[in-house]
């Protein structure tokens, strides 16, 4: 009965780990329901297997009995494909094997006490699951999205560990002395390798984010400089118009004195039109945000995108202006790129941003195609290398306690931010 308890407990543990390492394409409720049904079916299959064959055969066939349905489950539910999907399954196997082997070592050292086995499973499983939920899982999904190469090599290393630990080293952990020592040691070694890989991936991710933020900062600075140049040019033109104003007034007065009021009005209207053409639109008082608005809206209009705006911001903001400008540039850039997939007569951006009672931003644009959202409500990148803008916005919200929302309704994609 100890053997039956072990394989049944491992079955439940496998399914819990599969849920934790899975970025499902479906809603959380539907995913939990599917995982629950598959777990019940596997528990029944494992119990039938245990009663139909001897213990050695049951342990030998157990891996195939579990891993093939697990792979099919991940293939059905997971957003990822290819080597990323294999990496998900091997990560599930690694942590389940780690818990099993370390628990088996404790069970063997206790002299085969069943209650020690149960307590060890519960304590180790709780600790590992807490670590996954609290630390590893968010980083895991970010790495899966951002790292584009090298997955096959990582999967090869992890698969080699699994074959060696499960099939090539004889004996069962908790029952044989040699396997109860060697297999837990190898599991800890593999955990160290996995941790190093996660650290390297995190370094790569941070480097990519830093490069992306540097590019955005450079774009922001460029937009601010171009805005300042445009403002200076407009001021120079207005200064020249003011300088010539007395001559125009003299000319208008002369036309009036001659009784040619129509020509005088046309002359003054032409002068007013020249002044209006030199007038620069000021979107808001904060200079960096004004520069980003100006640059992005000019870029949109050059692409044939109509822009509808309603912007009313105070002089001071509750957050650092440069960080908010990066969020704004990201959102408007995404809206511009989405519009480029549409015919020119359907391209449009609606931007609303107010400062009272709090800073609230909404950017909407028409969208063609479908958008998938992850469990946190963030849109999932449709192509590799994309999605950094959304991650930058999410990081800003976490840092400043802001709330953001992405939704797709009536073929319009809307991004909202509240500070």
Protein backbone atom coordinates (compact mmCIF):
# COMPACT_ATOMS: atom_id res chain seq x y z
CA UNK A 1 0.00 0.00 0.00
CA UNK A 2 2.96 2.35 0.47
CA UNK A 3 3.80 2.00 -3.22
CA UNK A 4 0.19 2.77 -4.21
CA UNK A 5 0.16 5.85 -1.98
CA UNK A 6 3.41 7.08 -3.58
CA UNK A 7 2.28 6.79 -7.18
CA UNK A 8 -1.18 8.22 -6.44
CA UNK A 9 0.33 11.15 -4.56
CA UNK A 10 2.83 11.76 -7.37
CA UNK A 11 -0.06 11.77 -9.86
CA UNK A 12 -1.81 14.54 -7.96
CA UNK A 13 1.48 16.40 -7.58
CA UNK A 14 2.19 16.14 -11.31
CA UNK A 15 -1.15 17.69 -12.16
CA UNK A 16 -0.73 20.52 -9.65
CA UNK A 17 2.71 21.29 -11.07
CA UNK A 18 1.33 21.12 -14.61
CA UNK A 19 -1.26 23.75 -13.69
CA UNK A 20 1.39 25.99 -12.12
CA UNK A 21 3.74 25.77 -15.10
CA UNK A 22 0.95 26.17 -17.67
CA UNK A 23 -0.01 29.46 -19.30
CA UNK A 24 -3.42 28.29 -20.42
CA UNK A 25 -5.21 29.57 -23.49
CA UNK A 26 -8.53 29.21 -21.68
CA UNK A 27 -10.08 30.81 -18.62
CA UNK A 28 -8.84 29.83 -15.17
CA UNK A 29 -12.13 28.11 -14.28
CA UNK A 30 -12.18 26.04 -17.45
CA UNK A 31 -8.52 25.12 -17.05
CA UNK A 32 -9.03 23.99 -13.44
CA UNK A 33 -12.04 21.90 -14.49
CA UNK A 34 -10.10 20.15 -17.28
CA UNK A 35 -7.09 19.50 -15.04
CA UNK A 36 -9.36 18.13 -12.32
CA UNK A 37 -11.12 15.70 -14.69
CA UNK A 38 -7.79 14.50 -16.12
CA UNK A 39 -6.45 14.01 -12.59
CA UNK A 40 -9.41 11.82 -11.60
CA UNK A 41 -9.00 9.71 -14.74
CA UNK A 42 -5.26 9.29 -14.16
CA UNK A 43 -5.76 8.33 -10.52
CA UNK A 44 -8.16 5.61 -11.62
CA UNK A 45 -5.75 4.45 -14.35
CA UNK A 46 -2.82 4.32 -11.91
CA UNK A 47 -4.84 2.33 -9.36
CA UNK A 48 -5.88 -0.14 -12.06
CA UNK A 49 -2.27 -0.46 -13.22
CA UNK A 50 -1.06 -1.13 -9.67
CA UNK A 51 -3.60 -3.93 -9.20
CA UNK A 52 -2.98 -5.45 -12.64
CA UNK A 53 0.82 -5.86 -12.51
CA UNK A 54 3.58 -6.33 -9.97
CA UNK A 55 5.25 -3.41 -8.18
CA UNK A 56 8.37 -3.31 -10.38
CA UNK A 57 6.32 -3.20 -13.57
CA UNK A 58 3.99 -0.59 -12.08
CA UNK A 59 6.88 1.74 -11.24
CA UNK A 60 8.47 1.12 -14.65
CA UNK A 61 5.29 1.80 -16.65
CA UNK A 62 4.11 4.64 -14.36
CA UNK A 63 6.22 7.28 -16.11
CA UNK A 64 4.69 6.52 -19.50
CA UNK A 65 1.21 6.34 -17.96
CA UNK A 66 1.59 9.87 -16.59
CA UNK A 67 3.85 11.71 -19.01
CA UNK A 68 2.01 11.00 -22.25
CA UNK A 69 -1.35 12.32 -20.93
CA UNK A 70 0.53 15.24 -19.35
CA UNK A 71 2.11 16.14 -22.69
CA UNK A 72 -1.27 15.91 -24.43
CA UNK A 73 -2.82 18.09 -21.71
CA UNK A 74 -0.14 20.75 -22.12
CA UNK A 75 -0.48 20.60 -25.89
CA UNK A 76 -4.23 21.14 -25.58
CA UNK A 77 -4.19 23.94 -23.02
CA UNK A 78 -0.83 25.72 -23.22
CA UNK A 79 -0.19 28.80 -25.34
CA UNK A 80 3.33 27.61 -26.12
CA UNK A 81 4.42 25.13 -28.73
CA UNK A 82 7.61 23.44 -29.85
CA UNK A 83 10.56 23.28 -27.49
CA UNK A 84 8.89 25.66 -25.05
CA UNK A 85 6.13 23.11 -24.56
CA UNK A 86 8.69 20.37 -23.93
CA UNK A 87 10.47 22.66 -21.46
CA UNK A 88 7.20 23.13 -19.58
CA UNK A 89 6.74 19.38 -19.22
CA UNK A 90 10.35 18.76 -18.22
CA UNK A 91 10.08 21.52 -15.60
CA UNK A 92 7.03 19.75 -14.15
CA UNK A 93 8.94 16.46 -14.14
CA UNK A 94 12.01 18.04 -12.52
CA UNK A 95 10.21 19.50 -9.52
CA UNK A 96 8.01 16.44 -8.99
CA UNK A 97 11.06 14.18 -9.16
CA UNK A 98 12.93 16.46 -6.76
CA UNK A 99 10.13 16.25 -4.19
CA UNK A 100 9.82 12.49 -4.67
CA UNK A 101 13.53 11.76 -4.34
CA UNK A 102 14.16 14.01 -1.34
CA UNK A 103 11.08 12.58 0.39
CA UNK A 104 12.31 9.05 -0.40
CA UNK A 105 15.66 9.82 1.19
CA UNK A 106 13.99 11.06 4.38
CA UNK A 107 11.72 8.00 4.38
CA UNK A 108 14.70 5.67 4.02
CA UNK A 109 16.66 7.42 6.80
CA UNK A 110 13.62 7.17 9.11
CA UNK A 111 13.65 3.41 8.82
CA UNK A 112 10.57 3.18 6.60
CA UNK A 113 8.06 5.00 8.81
CA UNK A 114 4.93 5.72 6.80
CA UNK A 115 3.98 8.85 8.75
CA UNK A 116 7.40 10.32 7.99
CA UNK A 117 6.77 9.69 4.31
CA UNK A 118 3.40 11.48 4.44
CA UNK A 119 4.71 14.45 6.45
CA UNK A 120 7.78 14.80 4.21
CA UNK A 121 5.66 14.81 1.06
CA UNK A 122 3.33 17.45 2.50
CA UNK A 123 6.11 19.72 3.82
CA UNK A 124 8.31 19.54 0.72
CA UNK A 125 5.36 19.90 -1.66
CA UNK A 126 4.05 22.93 0.23
CA UNK A 127 7.48 24.58 0.26
CA UNK A 128 8.16 23.98 -3.42
CA UNK A 129 4.68 25.09 -4.52
CA UNK A 130 5.00 28.27 -2.43
CA UNK A 131 8.37 28.99 -4.04
CA UNK A 132 6.95 28.43 -7.52
CA UNK A 133 3.92 30.65 -6.99
CA UNK A 134 5.79 33.38 -5.14
CA UNK A 135 9.01 33.63 -7.14
CA UNK A 136 9.54 31.28 -10.06
CA UNK A 137 6.22 31.29 -11.92
CA UNK A 138 6.13 35.00 -12.94
CA UNK A 139 9.77 34.86 -14.04
CA UNK A 140 9.15 31.55 -15.82
CA UNK A 141 6.44 32.97 -18.09
CA UNK A 142 8.40 36.14 -18.87
CA UNK A 143 11.39 34.04 -19.90
CA UNK A 144 9.19 31.80 -22.04
CA UNK A 145 7.96 34.87 -23.93
CA UNK A 146 11.23 36.74 -24.33
CA UNK A 147 13.94 34.12 -24.90
CA UNK A 148 13.80 32.93 -28.49
CA UNK A 149 16.72 30.52 -28.89
CA UNK A 150 18.44 27.67 -27.10
CA UNK A 151 15.38 25.83 -25.84
CA UNK A 152 16.32 22.54 -27.52
CA UNK A 153 19.66 22.45 -25.71
CA UNK A 154 18.04 23.10 -22.33
CA UNK A 155 15.46 20.39 -23.01
CA UNK A 156 18.26 17.98 -23.95
CA UNK A 157 20.02 18.57 -20.62
CA UNK A 158 16.82 18.11 -18.60
CA UNK A 159 15.74 15.04 -20.59
CA UNK A 160 19.16 13.47 -20.03
CA UNK A 161 18.79 13.98 -16.29
CA UNK A 162 15.35 12.40 -16.33
CA UNK A 163 16.46 9.31 -18.27
CA UNK A 164 19.49 8.81 -16.03
CA UNK A 165 17.64 9.36 -12.75
CA UNK A 166 14.54 7.32 -13.55
CA UNK A 167 15.66 4.55 -15.88
CA UNK A 168 19.45 4.12 -15.82
CA UNK A 169 20.08 4.13 -12.06
CA UNK A 170 18.59 0.90 -10.68
CA UNK A 171 16.45 0.71 -7.57
CA UNK A 172 13.76 2.88 -6.03
CA UNK A 173 14.28 5.84 -3.74
CA UNK A 174 13.16 5.05 -0.22
CA UNK A 175 13.61 1.29 -0.61
CA UNK A 176 17.16 0.76 -1.89
CA UNK A 177 20.18 2.30 -0.21
CA UNK A 178 22.19 3.25 -3.29
CA UNK A 179 19.30 4.81 -5.21
CA UNK A 180 18.07 6.59 -2.04
CA UNK A 181 21.41 8.42 -1.89
CA UNK A 182 22.42 8.84 -5.54
CA UNK A 183 19.10 9.95 -7.02
CA UNK A 184 18.39 12.75 -4.48
CA UNK A 185 21.96 13.99 -4.95
CA UNK A 186 21.51 14.12 -8.73
CA UNK A 187 18.13 15.84 -8.28
CA UNK A 188 19.74 18.58 -6.18
CA UNK A 189 22.51 18.94 -8.75
CA UNK A 190 19.95 19.31 -11.53
CA UNK A 191 18.05 21.86 -9.45
CA UNK A 192 21.28 23.86 -9.24
CA UNK A 193 21.67 23.69 -13.02
CA UNK A 194 18.05 24.77 -13.46
CA UNK A 195 18.59 27.69 -11.08
CA UNK A 196 21.65 28.80 -13.03
CA UNK A 197 19.65 28.66 -16.26
CA UNK A 198 16.89 30.76 -14.70
CA UNK A 199 19.48 33.26 -13.49
CA UNK A 200 21.03 33.50 -16.95
CA UNK A 201 17.62 33.87 -18.56
CA UNK A 202 16.71 36.57 -16.06
CA UNK A 203 19.93 38.42 -16.87
CA UNK A 204 19.08 38.23 -20.56
CA UNK A 205 15.56 39.47 -19.86
CA UNK A 206 16.82 42.37 -17.75
CA UNK A 207 19.33 43.28 -20.44
CA UNK A 208 16.59 43.26 -23.07
CA UNK A 209 14.36 45.44 -20.88
CA UNK A 210 17.22 47.84 -20.19
CA UNK A 211 17.97 48.08 -23.91
CA UNK A 212 14.31 48.64 -24.66
CA UNK A 213 14.00 51.36 -22.00
CA UNK A 214 17.18 52.99 -23.31
CA UNK A 215 15.70 53.07 -26.80
CA UNK A 216 12.49 54.55 -25.45
CA UNK A 217 14.42 57.15 -23.48
CA UNK A 218 16.38 58.05 -26.60
CA UNK A 219 13.12 58.32 -28.52
CA UNK A 220 11.65 60.44 -25.75
CA UNK A 221 14.68 62.74 -25.75
CA UNK A 222 14.56 62.99 -29.53
CA UNK A 223 10.86 63.85 -29.40
CA UNK A 224 11.52 66.51 -26.77
CA UNK A 225 14.33 68.04 -28.84
CA UNK A 226 12.23 68.10 -32.00
CA UNK A 227 9.40 69.62 -30.02
CA UNK A 228 11.67 72.35 -28.66
CA UNK A 229 13.00 73.03 -32.16
CA UNK A 230 9.48 73.31 -33.52
CA UNK A 231 8.49 75.66 -30.68
CA UNK A 232 11.57 77.82 -31.24
CA UNK A 233 10.89 77.96 -34.98
CA UNK A 234 7.28 78.97 -34.33
CA UNK A 235 8.39 81.66 -31.88
CA UNK A 236 10.85 83.06 -34.43
CA UNK A 237 8.15 83.14 -37.10
CA UNK A 238 5.70 84.87 -34.74
CA UNK A 239 8.40 87.34 -33.74
CA UNK A 240 8.92 88.23 -37.41
CA UNK A 241 5.19 88.54 -37.93
CA UNK A 242 4.98 90.92 -34.97
CA UNK A 243 7.88 92.92 -36.38
CA UNK A 244 6.02 93.35 -39.66
CA UNK A 245 2.70 94.00 -37.95
CA UNK A 246 3.00 97.82 -38.03
CA UNK A 247 3.60 97.76 -41.79
CA UNK A 248 0.58 95.56 -42.32
CA UNK A 249 -1.54 97.84 -40.15
CA UNK A 250 -0.36 100.85 -42.18
CA UNK A 251 -1.25 99.04 -45.39
CA UNK A 252 -4.67 98.06 -44.03
CA UNK A 253 -5.32 101.63 -42.84
CA UNK A 254 -4.42 102.97 -46.28
CA UNK A 255 -6.86 100.55 -47.95
CA UNK A 256 -9.61 101.59 -45.53
CA UNK A 257 -8.92 105.27 -46.14
CA UNK A 258 -9.37 104.63 -49.84
CA UNK A 259 -12.68 102.96 -49.14
CA UNK A 260 -11.49 99.52 -50.26
CA UNK A 261 -12.75 97.65 -47.19
CA UNK A 262 -12.93 94.30 -48.99
CA UNK A 263 -9.24 94.33 -49.88
CA UNK A 264 -8.38 95.46 -46.36
CA UNK A 265 -10.27 92.53 -44.83
CA UNK A 266 -8.69 90.06 -47.26
CA UNK A 267 -5.27 91.46 -46.41
CA UNK A 268 -5.87 91.11 -42.66
CA UNK A 269 -7.33 87.60 -43.05
CA UNK A 270 -4.24 86.49 -44.96
CA UNK A 271 -2.03 87.83 -42.18
CA UNK A 272 -4.13 86.03 -39.55
CA UNK A 273 -3.87 82.78 -41.54
CA UNK A 274 -0.10 83.05 -41.61
CA UNK A 275 -0.05 83.50 -37.84
CA UNK A 276 -2.32 80.47 -37.30
CA UNK A 277 -0.08 78.31 -39.47
CA UNK A 278 2.87 79.13 -37.23
CA UNK A 279 0.99 78.29 -34.05
CA UNK A 280 2.21 75.14 -32.26
CA UNK A 281 -0.34 72.99 -30.48
CA UNK A 282 0.42 72.51 -26.79
CA UNK A 283 -1.13 69.25 -25.67
CA UNK A 284 -0.33 69.64 -21.96
CA UNK A 285 1.91 71.62 -19.62
CA UNK A 286 4.37 68.86 -18.56
CA UNK A 287 7.03 69.23 -21.30
CA UNK A 288 8.09 65.60 -21.72
CA UNK A 289 4.50 64.36 -22.03
CA UNK A 290 3.75 67.20 -24.43
CA UNK A 291 6.72 66.15 -26.56
CA UNK A 292 5.60 62.49 -26.62
CA UNK A 293 2.03 63.49 -27.55
CA UNK A 294 3.29 65.73 -30.33
CA UNK A 295 5.74 63.17 -31.74
CA UNK A 296 3.31 60.23 -31.64
CA UNK A 297 0.35 62.20 -33.02
CA UNK A 298 2.50 63.58 -35.86
CA UNK A 299 3.68 60.04 -36.63
CA UNK A 300 0.07 58.82 -36.64
CA UNK A 301 -1.10 61.57 -38.98
CA UNK A 302 1.80 60.86 -41.35
CA UNK A 303 0.52 57.26 -41.54
CA UNK A 304 -2.99 58.41 -42.41
CA UNK A 305 -4.35 57.74 -38.89
CA UNK A 306 -6.98 60.17 -37.64
CA UNK A 307 -6.46 61.24 -34.04
CA UNK A 308 -9.22 62.25 -31.63
CA UNK A 309 -7.92 63.74 -28.38
CA UNK A 310 -9.18 65.00 -25.06
CA UNK A 311 -6.23 65.89 -22.82
CA UNK A 312 -6.41 67.91 -19.59
CA UNK A 313 -3.45 67.46 -17.28
CA UNK A 314 -2.21 69.55 -14.33
CA UNK A 315 1.25 71.10 -14.15
CA UNK A 316 2.45 68.52 -11.61
CA UNK A 317 2.00 64.75 -11.73
CA UNK A 318 1.84 62.14 -8.93
CA UNK A 319 4.60 60.07 -10.60
CA UNK A 320 7.88 60.77 -12.32
CA UNK A 321 7.08 62.38 -15.66
CA UNK A 322 9.67 60.42 -17.66
CA UNK A 323 8.29 57.05 -16.52
CA UNK A 324 4.73 58.05 -17.40
CA UNK A 325 5.98 59.31 -20.77
CA UNK A 326 7.46 55.88 -21.52
CA UNK A 327 4.09 54.26 -20.73
CA UNK A 328 2.37 56.74 -23.00
CA UNK A 329 4.89 56.20 -25.81
CA UNK A 330 4.50 52.42 -25.51
CA UNK A 331 0.71 52.54 -25.65
CA UNK A 332 0.56 55.00 -28.56
CA UNK A 333 3.23 53.09 -30.47
CA UNK A 334 1.23 49.87 -30.08
CA UNK A 335 -1.92 51.68 -31.26
CA UNK A 336 -0.11 53.05 -34.33
CA UNK A 337 1.27 49.61 -35.26
CA UNK A 338 -2.20 48.04 -34.87
CA UNK A 339 -3.69 50.67 -37.19
CA UNK A 340 -1.16 49.93 -39.92
CA UNK A 341 -2.85 46.53 -40.38
CA UNK A 342 -6.08 48.32 -41.41
CA UNK A 343 -7.15 50.16 -44.59
CA UNK A 344 -6.37 53.89 -44.43
CA UNK A 345 -10.03 54.88 -44.19
CA UNK A 346 -10.43 52.80 -41.00
CA UNK A 347 -7.36 54.00 -39.12
CA UNK A 348 -8.13 55.91 -35.94
CA UNK A 349 -6.76 56.57 -32.46
CA UNK A 350 -8.79 57.97 -29.59
CA UNK A 351 -6.77 59.32 -26.69
CA UNK A 352 -8.25 60.67 -23.48
CA UNK A 353 -6.16 61.73 -20.50
CA UNK A 354 -7.27 63.76 -17.49
CA UNK A 355 -5.65 64.70 -14.20
CA UNK A 356 -8.65 64.90 -11.86
CA UNK A 357 -9.75 63.30 -9.61
CA UNK A 358 -6.69 61.19 -10.52
CA UNK A 359 -4.58 60.66 -13.59
CA UNK A 360 -6.63 58.54 -15.98
CA UNK A 361 -5.61 57.51 -19.48
CA UNK A 362 -7.56 55.68 -22.18
CA UNK A 363 -6.20 54.87 -25.64
CA UNK A 364 -8.46 53.08 -28.10
CA UNK A 365 -7.89 51.87 -31.65
CA UNK A 366 -9.73 49.56 -34.05
CA UNK A 367 -8.24 46.09 -34.32
CA UNK A 368 -8.44 43.23 -36.76
CA UNK A 369 -7.75 39.63 -35.81
CA UNK A 370 -7.82 38.07 -32.35
CA UNK A 371 -5.99 38.87 -29.11
CA UNK A 372 -5.22 36.36 -26.39
CA UNK A 373 -4.92 37.45 -22.77
CA UNK A 374 -2.93 35.72 -20.04
CA UNK A 375 -4.16 34.94 -16.53
CA UNK A 376 -3.27 38.49 -15.41
CA UNK A 377 -5.36 40.10 -18.16
CA UNK A 378 -2.34 41.21 -20.21
CA UNK A 379 -2.36 40.73 -23.99
CA UNK A 380 -0.03 37.97 -25.17
CA UNK A 381 2.45 38.83 -27.90
CA UNK A 382 1.44 37.32 -31.23
CA UNK A 383 4.99 37.23 -32.56
CA UNK A 384 8.37 36.57 -31.02
CA UNK A 385 10.23 39.68 -29.92
CA UNK A 386 7.01 41.61 -29.30
CA UNK A 387 5.26 42.30 -26.02
CA UNK A 388 8.00 44.33 -24.32
CA UNK A 389 5.80 47.43 -24.35
CA UNK A 390 3.05 45.69 -22.38
CA UNK A 391 5.61 44.31 -19.92
CA UNK A 392 7.05 47.81 -19.45
CA UNK A 393 3.56 49.17 -18.72
CA UNK A 394 2.93 46.32 -16.27
CA UNK A 395 6.23 47.03 -14.49
CA UNK A 396 5.29 50.74 -14.20
CA UNK A 397 1.95 49.80 -12.62
CA UNK A 398 3.59 47.47 -10.10
CA UNK A 399 6.13 50.13 -9.14
CA UNK A 400 3.68 53.03 -8.77
CA UNK A 401 0.57 51.22 -7.54
CA UNK A 402 -1.34 51.99 -10.72
CA UNK A 403 -4.11 49.92 -12.26
CA UNK A 404 -4.14 49.06 -15.96
CA UNK A 405 -6.70 47.24 -18.05
CA UNK A 406 -6.62 45.84 -21.57
CA UNK A 407 -9.78 44.76 -23.35
CA UNK A 408 -11.09 44.01 -26.82
CA UNK A 409 -14.76 44.89 -27.38
CA UNK A 410 -16.66 45.52 -30.62
CA UNK A 411 -13.40 45.22 -32.60
CA UNK A 412 -11.88 48.09 -30.59
CA UNK A 413 -8.83 47.51 -28.43
CA UNK A 414 -8.76 49.70 -25.32
CA UNK A 415 -5.99 50.38 -22.84
CA UNK A 416 -6.85 52.12 -19.58
CA UNK A 417 -4.54 53.35 -16.84
CA UNK A 418 -5.53 54.85 -13.49
CA UNK A 419 -3.01 56.34 -11.03
